[in-house]
């Protein structure tokens, strides 16, 4: 259905302003969530703050120490742990595969959108992972400011295939 390409972002202010410009397209919100997930490897607190920008406020709690004024609530924070335990999960959605050791090009992260379905108050979008056989579903809704926010994204942090190298190491 289409590809979304963005560079890696490691600054909260750049992330926030870039997402605000791109938030009118639901696919972009998913890509920014993945960019936030990639930041978990080096800076989980930054990743948490970034994620609060693109997920529903219902998944967040107020927090004065965060640049967004929010931090992820318990269920949304669980995903950070999953991405941290297996960094290949986030990489698998932006160019990494089990055959290329989940290597990505930070200058050109590429996410593949497989399908988009209207679903009541929002959209269900399926994206491809280079480490899973089936596309991953995510649900989004448009807020009162016209920005797309993730409302159901639990499938995104499920495991991915081992690398070919890991498979052969027995």
Protein backbone atom coordinates (compact mmCIF):
# COMPACT_ATOMS: atom_id res chain seq x y z
CA UNK A 1 0.00 0.00 0.00
CA UNK A 2 2.88 2.36 0.62
CA UNK A 3 6.13 3.19 2.30
CA UNK A 4 6.88 5.92 4.82
CA UNK A 5 10.50 7.09 5.03
CA UNK A 6 11.91 9.25 7.84
CA UNK A 7 15.35 9.79 9.37
CA UNK A 8 16.14 8.80 12.96
CA UNK A 9 15.47 11.58 15.50
CA UNK A 10 17.21 11.68 18.90
CA UNK A 11 16.06 15.07 20.20
CA UNK A 12 12.68 15.54 21.91
CA UNK A 13 12.12 19.04 20.52
CA UNK A 14 12.90 17.95 16.92
CA UNK A 15 10.71 14.88 17.35
CA UNK A 16 7.79 16.88 18.74
CA UNK A 17 7.86 19.59 16.07
CA UNK A 18 8.34 17.08 13.22
CA UNK A 19 5.41 14.96 14.44
CA UNK A 20 3.17 18.01 14.79
CA UNK A 21 3.81 18.83 11.11
CA UNK A 22 3.15 15.21 10.07
CA UNK A 23 0.33 14.26 12.50
CA UNK A 24 -2.40 14.72 9.87
CA UNK A 25 -1.45 11.34 8.35
CA UNK A 26 -2.03 8.29 10.56
CA UNK A 27 0.88 6.36 9.01
CA UNK A 28 3.26 9.10 10.14
CA UNK A 29 2.14 8.71 13.76
CA UNK A 30 3.05 5.01 13.61
CA UNK A 31 6.48 5.86 12.16
CA UNK A 32 7.13 8.38 14.95
CA UNK A 33 6.18 5.75 17.53
CA UNK A 34 8.79 3.44 15.97
CA UNK A 35 11.38 6.24 16.04
CA UNK A 36 10.63 6.65 19.75
CA UNK A 37 10.99 2.87 20.21
CA UNK A 38 14.41 2.93 18.52
CA UNK A 39 15.52 5.52 21.11
CA UNK A 40 14.92 2.99 23.90
CA UNK A 41 18.33 1.41 23.19
CA UNK A 42 20.21 4.54 24.30
CA UNK A 43 17.74 6.63 26.31
CA UNK A 44 14.55 4.99 27.67
CA UNK A 45 13.42 8.24 29.38
CA UNK A 46 13.64 10.13 26.09
CA UNK A 47 11.74 7.31 24.35
CA UNK A 48 9.02 7.45 27.02
CA UNK A 49 8.60 11.22 26.54
CA UNK A 50 8.49 10.81 22.76
CA UNK A 51 5.87 8.07 22.97
CA UNK A 52 3.59 10.26 25.11
CA UNK A 53 3.33 12.64 22.15
CA UNK A 54 1.93 10.03 19.74
CA UNK A 55 -0.24 7.80 21.95
CA UNK A 56 -3.63 8.62 23.43
CA UNK A 57 -3.46 10.75 26.59
CA UNK A 58 -5.49 7.96 28.22
CA UNK A 59 -2.30 5.88 28.12
CA UNK A 60 -0.30 8.55 29.99
CA UNK A 61 -0.08 10.16 33.41
CA UNK A 62 0.99 13.71 34.24
CA UNK A 63 4.67 14.11 35.07
CA UNK A 64 6.38 17.44 35.62
CA UNK A 65 9.87 16.11 34.91
CA UNK A 66 9.05 15.05 31.35
CA UNK A 67 9.48 17.44 28.39
CA UNK A 68 5.93 16.53 27.27
CA UNK A 69 4.50 16.98 30.77
CA UNK A 70 3.44 13.32 30.63
CA UNK A 71 4.91 9.88 31.09
CA UNK A 72 3.55 6.56 29.94
CA UNK A 73 1.08 4.80 32.21
CA UNK A 74 1.75 1.22 33.32
CA UNK A 75 0.30 -0.64 30.34
CA UNK A 76 2.01 1.61 27.75
CA UNK A 77 5.27 1.48 29.74
CA UNK A 78 5.21 -2.33 29.45
CA UNK A 79 6.02 -1.93 25.73
CA UNK A 80 9.24 -0.07 26.57
CA UNK A 81 10.38 -3.15 28.46
CA UNK A 82 9.59 -5.37 25.48
CA UNK A 83 11.48 -3.13 23.04
CA UNK A 84 14.40 -2.92 25.48
CA UNK A 85 14.58 -6.71 25.95
CA UNK A 86 14.65 -7.24 22.18
CA UNK A 87 15.89 -4.23 20.18
CA UNK A 88 15.21 -6.15 16.97
CA UNK A 89 11.44 -5.67 17.40
CA UNK A 90 11.48 -1.93 16.60
CA UNK A 91 14.19 -2.40 13.99
CA UNK A 92 12.07 -5.00 12.19
CA UNK A 93 9.49 -2.37 11.20
CA UNK A 94 11.96 0.09 9.65
CA UNK A 95 14.19 -2.04 7.43
CA UNK A 96 15.66 -4.69 9.71
CA UNK A 97 15.09 -8.36 8.88
CA UNK A 98 16.14 -11.68 10.36
CA UNK A 99 18.36 -12.19 7.29
CA UNK A 100 20.24 -8.85 7.61
CA UNK A 101 20.78 -9.11 11.40
CA UNK A 102 18.10 -6.41 11.84
CA UNK A 103 20.44 -3.71 10.56
CA UNK A 104 18.78 -0.38 9.75
CA UNK A 105 19.84 2.82 8.00
CA UNK A 106 19.25 5.62 10.50
CA UNK A 107 19.31 8.20 7.71
CA UNK A 108 16.44 6.42 5.95
CA UNK A 109 14.08 4.38 8.12
CA UNK A 110 11.46 2.73 5.90
CA UNK A 111 8.10 1.47 7.19
CA UNK A 112 5.79 -0.54 4.90
CA UNK A 113 2.03 -0.04 5.21
CA UNK A 114 0.18 -3.15 4.04
CA UNK A 115 -3.44 -2.03 4.44
CA UNK A 116 -5.71 0.56 6.00
CA UNK A 117 -9.29 -0.06 7.14
CA UNK A 118 -11.89 2.36 8.43
CA UNK A 119 -13.05 1.07 11.75
CA UNK A 120 -15.82 2.98 13.48
CA UNK A 121 -14.28 6.05 15.09
CA UNK A 122 -10.81 5.48 13.71
CA UNK A 123 -8.52 3.47 11.50
CA UNK A 124 -6.86 0.10 11.67
CA UNK A 125 -3.54 0.08 9.85
CA UNK A 126 -1.41 -3.00 9.20
CA UNK A 127 2.36 -2.60 8.87
CA UNK A 128 4.94 -5.18 7.83
CA UNK A 129 7.75 -6.39 10.05
CA UNK A 130 10.91 -7.91 8.63
CA UNK A 131 10.83 -10.39 11.51
CA UNK A 132 7.22 -11.63 11.43
CA UNK A 133 5.23 -13.60 8.88
CA UNK A 134 2.01 -11.60 9.26
CA UNK A 135 1.43 -7.83 9.20
CA UNK A 136 0.96 -6.06 12.54
CA UNK A 137 -2.33 -4.23 13.26
CA UNK A 138 -2.47 -0.84 15.01
CA UNK A 139 -5.49 1.32 15.75
CA UNK A 140 -5.52 5.11 15.61
CA UNK A 141 -8.03 7.89 16.13
CA UNK A 142 -7.94 11.55 15.23
CA UNK A 143 -8.02 13.91 18.23
CA UNK A 144 -9.83 17.25 18.43
CA UNK A 145 -6.74 18.99 16.99
CA UNK A 146 -6.83 16.79 13.88
CA UNK A 147 -3.79 14.77 14.97
CA UNK A 148 -3.71 11.00 14.67
CA UNK A 149 -2.89 9.20 17.93
CA UNK A 150 -2.28 5.51 18.60
CA UNK A 151 -5.08 3.95 20.66
CA UNK A 152 -4.32 0.23 20.35
CA UNK A 153 -0.77 -0.80 19.57
CA UNK A 154 -0.04 -3.83 21.74
CA UNK A 155 0.71 -6.11 18.75
CA UNK A 156 3.69 -3.99 17.76
CA UNK A 157 5.91 -5.17 20.62
CA UNK A 158 5.51 -8.91 20.16
CA UNK A 159 8.60 -10.97 19.36
CA UNK A 160 10.39 -11.37 16.05
CA UNK A 161 12.26 -14.22 14.42
CA UNK A 162 15.83 -14.90 15.49
CA UNK A 163 18.50 -13.82 13.06
CA UNK A 164 19.77 -16.41 10.62
CA UNK A 165 23.04 -16.30 12.58
CA UNK A 166 21.25 -17.03 15.88
CA UNK A 167 19.24 -19.87 14.27
CA UNK A 168 22.48 -21.54 13.17
CA UNK A 169 24.09 -21.21 16.61
CA UNK A 170 22.95 -24.43 18.33
